[in-house]
Amino acid sequence: MRLKKNIAISESGYLFNPSTGDSYSVNQMAFKILEFIKEEKPIKEMSAQIIEEYDVGEQQLLEDFDDFIGHLKQLGLIDE
């Protein structure tokens, strides 16, 4: 899974899709996940770092991660 090349991410958590003109705002954890996706880190490595950094259980993180990825796919922001 990869973030589409033309998607811009600002340090303040805004995503911009120049192909459609759409912009999105994400929270701090979602921003971290997007950075990991951009760096093409494996899911296990992503989840281990997020669990360590945030107060979240592994099961809850995996469920939220799947939901978030589903939204990104629906919005056309990632390639598989």
PDB file of N, CA and C in Angstrom:
ATOM      1  N   MET A   1       0.852  -1.169   0.000  1.00  0.00           N
ATOM      2  CA  MET A   1       0.000   0.000   0.000  1.00  0.00           C
ATOM      3  C   MET A   1       0.897   1.230   0.000  1.00  0.00           C
ATOM      4  N   ARG A   2       0.520   2.190  -0.837  1.00  0.00           N
ATOM      5  CA  ARG A   2       1.286   3.427  -0.964  1.00  0.00           C
ATOM      6  C   ARG A   2       0.344   4.615  -1.059  1.00  0.00           C
ATOM      7  N   LEU A   3       0.781   5.702  -0.490  1.00  0.00           N
ATOM      8  CA  LEU A   3       0.079   6.957  -0.662  1.00  0.00           C
ATOM      9  C   LEU A   3       0.325   7.402  -2.096  1.00  0.00           C
ATOM     10  N   LYS A   4      -0.699   7.872  -2.778  1.00  0.00           N
ATOM     11  CA  LYS A   4      -0.501   8.328  -4.161  1.00  0.00           C
ATOM     12  C   LYS A   4       0.545   9.431  -4.183  1.00  0.00           C
ATOM     13  N   LYS A   5       1.353   9.428  -5.222  1.00  0.00           N
ATOM     14  CA  LYS A   5       2.504  10.331  -5.309  1.00  0.00           C
ATOM     15  C   LYS A   5       2.129  11.807  -5.267  1.00  0.00           C
ATOM     16  N   ASN A   6       0.987  12.165  -5.799  1.00  0.00           N
ATOM     17  CA  ASN A   6       0.638  13.580  -5.881  1.00  0.00           C
ATOM     18  C   ASN A   6      -0.031  14.118  -4.606  1.00  0.00           C
ATOM     19  N   ILE A   7      -0.260  13.277  -3.606  1.00  0.00           N
ATOM     20  CA  ILE A   7      -0.913  13.713  -2.377  1.00  0.00           C
ATOM     21  C   ILE A   7       0.087  14.472  -1.513  1.00  0.00           C
ATOM     22  N   ALA A   8      -0.263  15.680  -1.142  1.00  0.00           N
ATOM     23  CA  ALA A   8       0.593  16.513  -0.294  1.00  0.00           C
ATOM     24  C   ALA A   8       0.099  16.432   1.146  1.00  0.00           C
ATOM     25  N   ILE A   9       1.056  16.335   2.074  1.00  0.00           N
ATOM     26  CA  ILE A   9       0.731  16.280   3.503  1.00  0.00           C
ATOM     27  C   ILE A   9       1.504  17.385   4.200  1.00  0.00           C
ATOM     28  N   SER A  10       0.786  18.257   4.910  1.00  0.00           N
ATOM     29  CA  SER A  10       1.479  19.311   5.648  1.00  0.00           C
ATOM     30  C   SER A  10       1.790  18.821   7.056  1.00  0.00           C
ATOM     31  N   GLU A  11       2.725  19.466   7.708  1.00  0.00           N
ATOM     32  CA  GLU A  11       3.115  19.090   9.065  1.00  0.00           C
ATOM     33  C   GLU A  11       1.987  19.336  10.066  1.00  0.00           C
ATOM     34  N   SER A  12       1.027  20.157   9.701  1.00  0.00           N
ATOM     35  CA  SER A  12      -0.086  20.439  10.602  1.00  0.00           C
ATOM     36  C   SER A  12      -1.258  19.468  10.417  1.00  0.00           C
ATOM     37  N   GLY A  13      -1.092  18.465   9.555  1.00  0.00           N
ATOM     38  CA  GLY A  13      -2.105  17.435   9.425  1.00  0.00           C
ATOM     39  C   GLY A  13      -3.130  17.644   8.331  1.00  0.00           C
ATOM     40  N   TYR A  14      -2.784  18.403   7.315  1.00  0.00           N
ATOM     41  CA  TYR A  14      -3.689  18.591   6.185  1.00  0.00           C
ATOM     42  C   TYR A  14      -3.186  17.798   4.983  1.00  0.00           C
ATOM     43  N   LEU A  15      -4.113  17.151   4.318  1.00  0.00           N
ATOM     44  CA  LEU A  15      -3.814  16.423   3.090  1.00  0.00           C
ATOM     45  C   LEU A  15      -4.453  17.181   1.945  1.00  0.00           C
ATOM     46  N   PHE A  16      -3.771  17.200   0.813  1.00  0.00           N
ATOM     47  CA  PHE A  16      -4.308  17.863  -0.363  1.00  0.00           C
ATOM     48  C   PHE A  16      -4.122  16.963  -1.570  1.00  0.00           C
ATOM     49  N   ASN A  17      -5.215  16.765  -2.300  1.00  0.00           N
ATOM     50  CA  ASN A  17      -5.191  15.984  -3.526  1.00  0.00           C
ATOM     51  C   ASN A  17      -5.313  16.959  -4.695  1.00  0.00           C
ATOM     52  N   PRO A  18      -4.204  17.282  -5.358  1.00  0.00           N
ATOM     53  CA  PRO A  18      -4.263  18.250  -6.448  1.00  0.00           C
ATOM     54  C   PRO A  18      -5.065  17.774  -7.653  1.00  0.00           C
ATOM     55  N   SER A  19      -5.240  16.471  -7.789  1.00  0.00           N
ATOM     56  CA  SER A  19      -6.027  15.943  -8.910  1.00  0.00           C
ATOM     57  C   SER A  19      -7.498  16.320  -8.809  1.00  0.00           C
ATOM     58  N   THR A  20      -8.003  16.389  -7.560  1.00  0.00           N
ATOM     59  CA  THR A  20      -9.417  16.686  -7.356  1.00  0.00           C
ATOM     60  C   THR A  20      -9.661  18.044  -6.705  1.00  0.00           C
ATOM     61  N   GLY A  21      -8.605  18.595  -6.087  1.00  0.00           N
ATOM     62  CA  GLY A  21      -8.763  19.853  -5.352  1.00  0.00           C
ATOM     63  C   GLY A  21      -9.275  19.644  -3.944  1.00  0.00           C
ATOM     64  N   ASP A  22      -9.466  18.380  -3.547  1.00  0.00           N
ATOM     65  CA  ASP A  22      -9.981  18.076  -2.213  1.00  0.00           C
ATOM     66  C   ASP A  22      -8.879  18.192  -1.168  1.00  0.00           C
ATOM     67  N   SER A  23      -9.260  18.656   0.027  1.00  0.00           N
ATOM     68  CA  SER A  23      -8.321  18.692   1.148  1.00  0.00           C
ATOM     69  C   SER A  23      -8.984  18.061   2.356  1.00  0.00           C
ATOM     70  N   TYR A  24      -8.157  17.516   3.228  1.00  0.00           N
ATOM     71  CA  TYR A  24      -8.630  16.789   4.398  1.00  0.00           C
ATOM     72  C   TYR A  24      -7.768  17.159   5.589  1.00  0.00           C
ATOM     73  N   SER A  25      -8.344  17.062   6.766  1.00  0.00           N
ATOM     74  CA  SER A  25      -7.630  17.299   8.006  1.00  0.00           C
ATOM     75  C   SER A  25      -7.606  15.994   8.794  1.00  0.00           C
ATOM     76  N   VAL A  26      -6.444  15.644   9.343  1.00  0.00           N
ATOM     77  CA  VAL A  26      -6.324  14.406  10.117  1.00  0.00           C
ATOM     78  C   VAL A  26      -5.755  14.721  11.498  1.00  0.00           C
ATOM     79  N   ASN A  27      -6.053  13.828  12.447  1.00  0.00           N
ATOM     80  CA  ASN A  27      -5.508  14.006  13.789  1.00  0.00           C
ATOM     81  C   ASN A  27      -4.058  13.539  13.839  1.00  0.00           C
ATOM     82  N   GLN A  28      -3.443  13.690  15.003  1.00  0.00           N
ATOM     83  CA  GLN A  28      -2.022  13.403  15.162  1.00  0.00           C
ATOM     84  C   GLN A  28      -1.673  11.942  14.870  1.00  0.00           C
ATOM     85  N   MET A  29      -2.504  11.012  15.340  1.00  0.00           N
ATOM     86  CA  MET A  29      -2.223   9.596  15.107  1.00  0.00           C
ATOM     87  C   MET A  29      -2.375   9.249  13.618  1.00  0.00           C
ATOM     88  N   ALA A  30      -3.393   9.777  12.981  1.00  0.00           N
ATOM     89  CA  ALA A  30      -3.585   9.533  11.545  1.00  0.00           C
ATOM     90  C   ALA A  30      -2.424  10.115  10.753  1.00  0.00           C
ATOM     91  N   PHE A  31      -1.935  11.276  11.166  1.00  0.00           N
ATOM     92  CA  PHE A  31      -0.784  11.882  10.504  1.00  0.00           C
ATOM     93  C   PHE A  31       0.433  10.969  10.618  1.00  0.00           C
ATOM     94  N   LYS A  32       0.626  10.389  11.798  1.00  0.00           N
ATOM     95  CA  LYS A  32       1.741   9.472  12.018  1.00  0.00           C
ATOM     96  C   LYS A  32       1.608   8.253  11.106  1.00  0.00           C
ATOM     97  N   ILE A  33       0.407   7.708  10.991  1.00  0.00           N
ATOM     98  CA  ILE A  33       0.173   6.554  10.119  1.00  0.00           C
ATOM     99  C   ILE A  33       0.470   6.928   8.669  1.00  0.00           C
ATOM    100  N   LEU A  34       0.048   8.106   8.250  1.00  0.00           N
ATOM    101  CA  LEU A  34       0.320   8.557   6.881  1.00  0.00           C
ATOM    102  C   LEU A  34       1.820   8.686   6.627  1.00  0.00           C
ATOM    103  N   GLU A  35       2.555   9.180   7.618  1.00  0.00           N
ATOM    104  CA  GLU A  35       4.013   9.259   7.471  1.00  0.00           C
ATOM    105  C   GLU A  35       4.608   7.866   7.289  1.00  0.00           C
ATOM    106  N   PHE A  36       4.136   6.910   8.095  1.00  0.00           N
ATOM    107  CA  PHE A  36       4.618   5.536   7.989  1.00  0.00           C
ATOM    108  C   PHE A  36       4.297   4.946   6.618  1.00  0.00           C
ATOM    109  N   ILE A  37       3.088   5.208   6.128  1.00  0.00           N
ATOM    110  CA  ILE A  37       2.700   4.707   4.811  1.00  0.00           C
ATOM    111  C   ILE A  37       3.607   5.317   3.744  1.00  0.00           C
ATOM    112  N   LYS A  38       3.855   6.609   3.859  1.00  0.00           N
ATOM    113  CA  LYS A  38       4.710   7.298   2.903  1.00  0.00           C
ATOM    114  C   LYS A  38       6.127   6.704   2.912  1.00  0.00           C
ATOM    115  N   GLU A  39       6.597   6.306   4.095  1.00  0.00           N
ATOM    116  CA  GLU A  39       7.925   5.697   4.230  1.00  0.00           C
ATOM    117  C   GLU A  39       7.902   4.202   3.899  1.00  0.00           C
ATOM    118  N   GLU A  40       6.694   3.676   3.607  1.00  0.00           N
ATOM    119  CA  GLU A  40       6.479   2.264   3.276  1.00  0.00           C
ATOM    120  C   GLU A  40       6.950   1.316   4.387  1.00  0.00           C
ATOM    121  N   LYS A  41       6.666   1.706   5.625  1.00  0.00           N
ATOM    122  CA  LYS A  41       6.999   0.849   6.765  1.00  0.00           C
ATOM    123  C   LYS A  41       6.005  -0.299   6.848  1.00  0.00           C
ATOM    124  N   PRO A  42       6.459  -1.465   7.279  1.00  0.00           N
ATOM    125  CA  PRO A  42       5.546  -2.601   7.460  1.00  0.00           C
ATOM    126  C   PRO A  42       4.522  -2.318   8.569  1.00  0.00           C
ATOM    127  N   ILE A  43       3.348  -2.905   8.429  1.00  0.00           N
ATOM    128  CA  ILE A  43       2.272  -2.673   9.392  1.00  0.00           C
ATOM    129  C   ILE A  43       2.695  -3.040  10.809  1.00  0.00           C
ATOM    130  N   LYS A  44       3.412  -4.129  10.989  1.00  0.00           N
ATOM    131  CA  LYS A  44       3.849  -4.527  12.330  1.00  0.00           C
ATOM    132  C   LYS A  44       4.748  -3.472  12.960  1.00  0.00           C
ATOM    133  N   GLU A  45       5.624  -2.896  12.170  1.00  0.00           N
ATOM    134  CA  GLU A  45       6.508  -1.848  12.688  1.00  0.00           C
ATOM    135  C   GLU A  45       5.707  -0.596  13.033  1.00  0.00           C
ATOM    136  N   MET A  46       4.752  -0.239  12.158  1.00  0.00           N
ATOM    137  CA  MET A  46       3.886   0.908  12.424  1.00  0.00           C
ATOM    138  C   MET A  46       3.141   0.736  13.734  1.00  0.00           C
ATOM    139  N   SER A  47       2.492  -0.413  13.880  1.00  0.00           N
ATOM    140  CA  SER A  47       1.662  -0.637  15.062  1.00  0.00           C
ATOM    141  C   SER A  47       2.503  -0.656  16.330  1.00  0.00           C
ATOM    142  N   ALA A  48       3.681  -1.246  16.296  1.00  0.00           N
ATOM    143  CA  ALA A  48       4.543  -1.292  17.482  1.00  0.00           C
ATOM    144  C   ALA A  48       4.924   0.121  17.925  1.00  0.00           C
ATOM    145  N   GLN A  49       5.260   0.987  16.982  1.00  0.00           N
ATOM    146  CA  GLN A  49       5.643   2.357  17.325  1.00  0.00           C
ATOM    147  C   GLN A  49       4.456   3.156  17.853  1.00  0.00           C
ATOM    148  N   ILE A  50       3.289   2.969  17.262  1.00  0.00           N
ATOM    149  CA  ILE A  50       2.113   3.721  17.700  1.00  0.00           C
ATOM    150  C   ILE A  50       1.663   3.246  19.078  1.00  0.00           C
ATOM    151  N   ILE A  51       1.687   1.952  19.321  1.00  0.00           N
ATOM    152  CA  ILE A  51       1.317   1.426  20.635  1.00  0.00           C
ATOM    153  C   ILE A  51       2.253   1.972  21.697  1.00  0.00           C
ATOM    154  N   GLU A  52       3.534   2.062  21.365  1.00  0.00           N
ATOM    155  CA  GLU A  52       4.522   2.587  22.306  1.00  0.00           C
ATOM    156  C   GLU A  52       4.306   4.079  22.582  1.00  0.00           C
ATOM    157  N   GLU A  53       3.964   4.820  21.533  1.00  0.00           N
ATOM    158  CA  GLU A  53       3.852   6.275  21.639  1.00  0.00           C
ATOM    159  C   GLU A  53       2.504   6.757  22.184  1.00  0.00           C
ATOM    160  N   TYR A  54       1.434   6.036  21.862  1.00  0.00           N
ATOM    161  CA  TYR A  54       0.084   6.447  22.269  1.00  0.00           C
ATOM    162  C   TYR A  54      -0.500   5.414  23.227  1.00  0.00           C
ATOM    163  N   ASP A  55      -1.469   5.823  23.979  1.00  0.00           N
ATOM    164  CA  ASP A  55      -2.129   4.927  24.935  1.00  0.00           C
ATOM    165  C   ASP A  55      -3.264   4.189  24.225  1.00  0.00           C
ATOM    166  N   VAL A  56      -2.893   3.152  23.476  1.00  0.00           N
ATOM    167  CA  VAL A  56      -3.884   2.396  22.713  1.00  0.00           C
ATOM    168  C   VAL A  56      -3.486   0.922  22.722  1.00  0.00           C
ATOM    169  N   GLY A  57      -4.487   0.054  22.811  1.00  0.00           N
ATOM    170  CA  GLY A  57      -4.240  -1.378  22.761  1.00  0.00           C
ATOM    171  C   GLY A  57      -4.065  -1.851  21.328  1.00  0.00           C
ATOM    172  N   GLU A  58      -3.408  -2.984  21.176  1.00  0.00           N
ATOM    173  CA  GLU A  58      -3.113  -3.493  19.838  1.00  0.00           C
ATOM    174  C   GLU A  58      -4.375  -3.796  19.040  1.00  0.00           C
ATOM    175  N   GLN A  59      -5.355  -4.439  19.665  1.00  0.00           N
ATOM    176  CA  GLN A  59      -6.587  -4.791  18.961  1.00  0.00           C
ATOM    177  C   GLN A  59      -7.338  -3.543  18.492  1.00  0.00           C
ATOM    178  N   GLN A  60      -7.437  -2.548  19.377  1.00  0.00           N
ATOM    179  CA  GLN A  60      -8.127  -1.308  19.021  1.00  0.00           C
ATOM    180  C   GLN A  60      -7.387  -0.588  17.899  1.00  0.00           C
ATOM    181  N   LEU A  61      -6.072  -0.573  17.978  1.00  0.00           N
ATOM    182  CA  LEU A  61      -5.271   0.061  16.935  1.00  0.00           C
ATOM    183  C   LEU A  61      -5.492  -0.607  15.586  1.00  0.00           C
ATOM    184  N   LEU A  62      -5.474  -1.921  15.551  1.00  0.00           N
ATOM    185  CA  LEU A  62      -5.655  -2.634  14.287  1.00  0.00           C
ATOM    186  C   LEU A  62      -7.035  -2.378  13.689  1.00  0.00           C
ATOM    187  N   GLU A  63      -8.060  -2.327  14.530  1.00  0.00           N
ATOM    188  CA  GLU A  63      -9.411  -2.028  14.044  1.00  0.00           C
ATOM    189  C   GLU A  63      -9.475  -0.612  13.480  1.00  0.00           C
ATOM    190  N   ASP A  64      -8.923   0.350  14.236  1.00  0.00           N
ATOM    191  CA  ASP A  64      -8.934   1.743  13.783  1.00  0.00           C
ATOM    192  C   ASP A  64      -8.088   1.915  12.517  1.00  0.00           C
ATOM    193  N   PHE A  65      -6.964   1.202  12.451  1.00  0.00           N
ATOM    194  CA  PHE A  65      -6.096   1.257  11.280  1.00  0.00           C
ATOM    195  C   PHE A  65      -6.844   0.760  10.047  1.00  0.00           C
ATOM    196  N   ASP A  66      -7.533  -0.363  10.172  1.00  0.00           N
ATOM    197  CA  ASP A  66      -8.305  -0.899   9.047  1.00  0.00           C
ATOM    198  C   ASP A  66      -9.378   0.080   8.589  1.00  0.00           C
ATOM    199  N   ASP A  67     -10.063   0.712   9.553  1.00  0.00           N
ATOM    200  CA  ASP A  67     -11.082   1.712   9.211  1.00  0.00           C
ATOM    201  C   ASP A  67     -10.460   2.899   8.472  1.00  0.00           C
ATOM    202  N   PHE A  68      -9.331   3.375   8.984  1.00  0.00           N
ATOM    203  CA  PHE A  68      -8.653   4.523   8.389  1.00  0.00           C
ATOM    204  C   PHE A  68      -8.196   4.208   6.962  1.00  0.00           C
ATOM    205  N   ILE A  69      -7.599   3.047   6.779  1.00  0.00           N
ATOM    206  CA  ILE A  69      -7.144   2.636   5.446  1.00  0.00           C
ATOM    207  C   ILE A  69      -8.343   2.520   4.503  1.00  0.00           C
ATOM    208  N   GLY A  70      -9.457   1.997   5.008  1.00  0.00           N
ATOM    209  CA  GLY A  70     -10.678   1.919   4.203  1.00  0.00           C
ATOM    210  C   GLY A  70     -11.141   3.291   3.735  1.00  0.00           C
ATOM    211  N   HIS A  71     -11.063   4.284   4.621  1.00  0.00           N
ATOM    212  CA  HIS A  71     -11.437   5.654   4.246  1.00  0.00           C
ATOM    213  C   HIS A  71     -10.482   6.215   3.197  1.00  0.00           C
ATOM    214  N   LEU A  72      -9.183   5.967   3.380  1.00  0.00           N
ATOM    215  CA  LEU A  72      -8.208   6.446   2.403  1.00  0.00           C
ATOM    216  C   LEU A  72      -8.453   5.840   1.037  1.00  0.00           C
ATOM    217  N   LYS A  73      -8.780   4.552   1.005  1.00  0.00           N
ATOM    218  CA  LYS A  73      -9.083   3.880  -0.257  1.00  0.00           C
ATOM    219  C   LYS A  73     -10.324   4.485  -0.899  1.00  0.00           C
ATOM    220  N   GLN A  74     -11.339   4.680  -0.074  1.00  0.00           N
ATOM    221  CA  GLN A  74     -12.604   5.239  -0.566  1.00  0.00           C
ATOM    222  C   GLN A  74     -12.394   6.632  -1.158  1.00  0.00           C
ATOM    223  N   LEU A  75     -11.490   7.400  -0.572  1.00  0.00           N
ATOM    224  CA  LEU A  75     -11.211   8.748  -1.054  1.00  0.00           C
ATOM    225  C   LEU A  75     -10.208   8.767  -2.210  1.00  0.00           C
ATOM    226  N   GLY A  76      -9.661   7.611  -2.549  1.00  0.00           N
ATOM    227  CA  GLY A  76      -8.723   7.510  -3.650  1.00  0.00           C
ATOM    228  C   GLY A  76      -7.357   8.098  -3.341  1.00  0.00           C
ATOM    229  N   LEU A  77      -6.937   8.020  -2.066  1.00  0.00           N
ATOM    230  CA  LEU A  77      -5.665   8.614  -1.661  1.00  0.00           C
ATOM    231  C   LEU A  77      -4.506   7.633  -1.606  1.00  0.00           C
ATOM    232  N   ILE A  78      -4.811   6.324  -1.688  1.00  0.00           N
ATOM    233  CA  ILE A  78      -3.742   5.339  -1.650  1.00  0.00           C
ATOM    234  C   ILE A  78      -3.869   4.361  -2.808  1.00  0.00           C
ATOM    235  N   ASP A  79      -2.740   3.820  -3.189  1.00  0.00           N
ATOM    236  CA  ASP A  79      -2.667   2.748  -4.177  1.00  0.00           C
ATOM    237  C   ASP A  79      -2.334   1.467  -3.423  1.00  0.00           C
ATOM    238  N   GLU A  80      -2.844   0.365  -3.911  1.00  0.00           N
ATOM    239  CA  GLU A  80      -2.525  -0.902  -3.244  1.00  0.00           C
ATOM    240  C   GLU A  80      -1.431  -1.630  -3.969  1.00  0.00           C
TER     241      GLU A  80
END
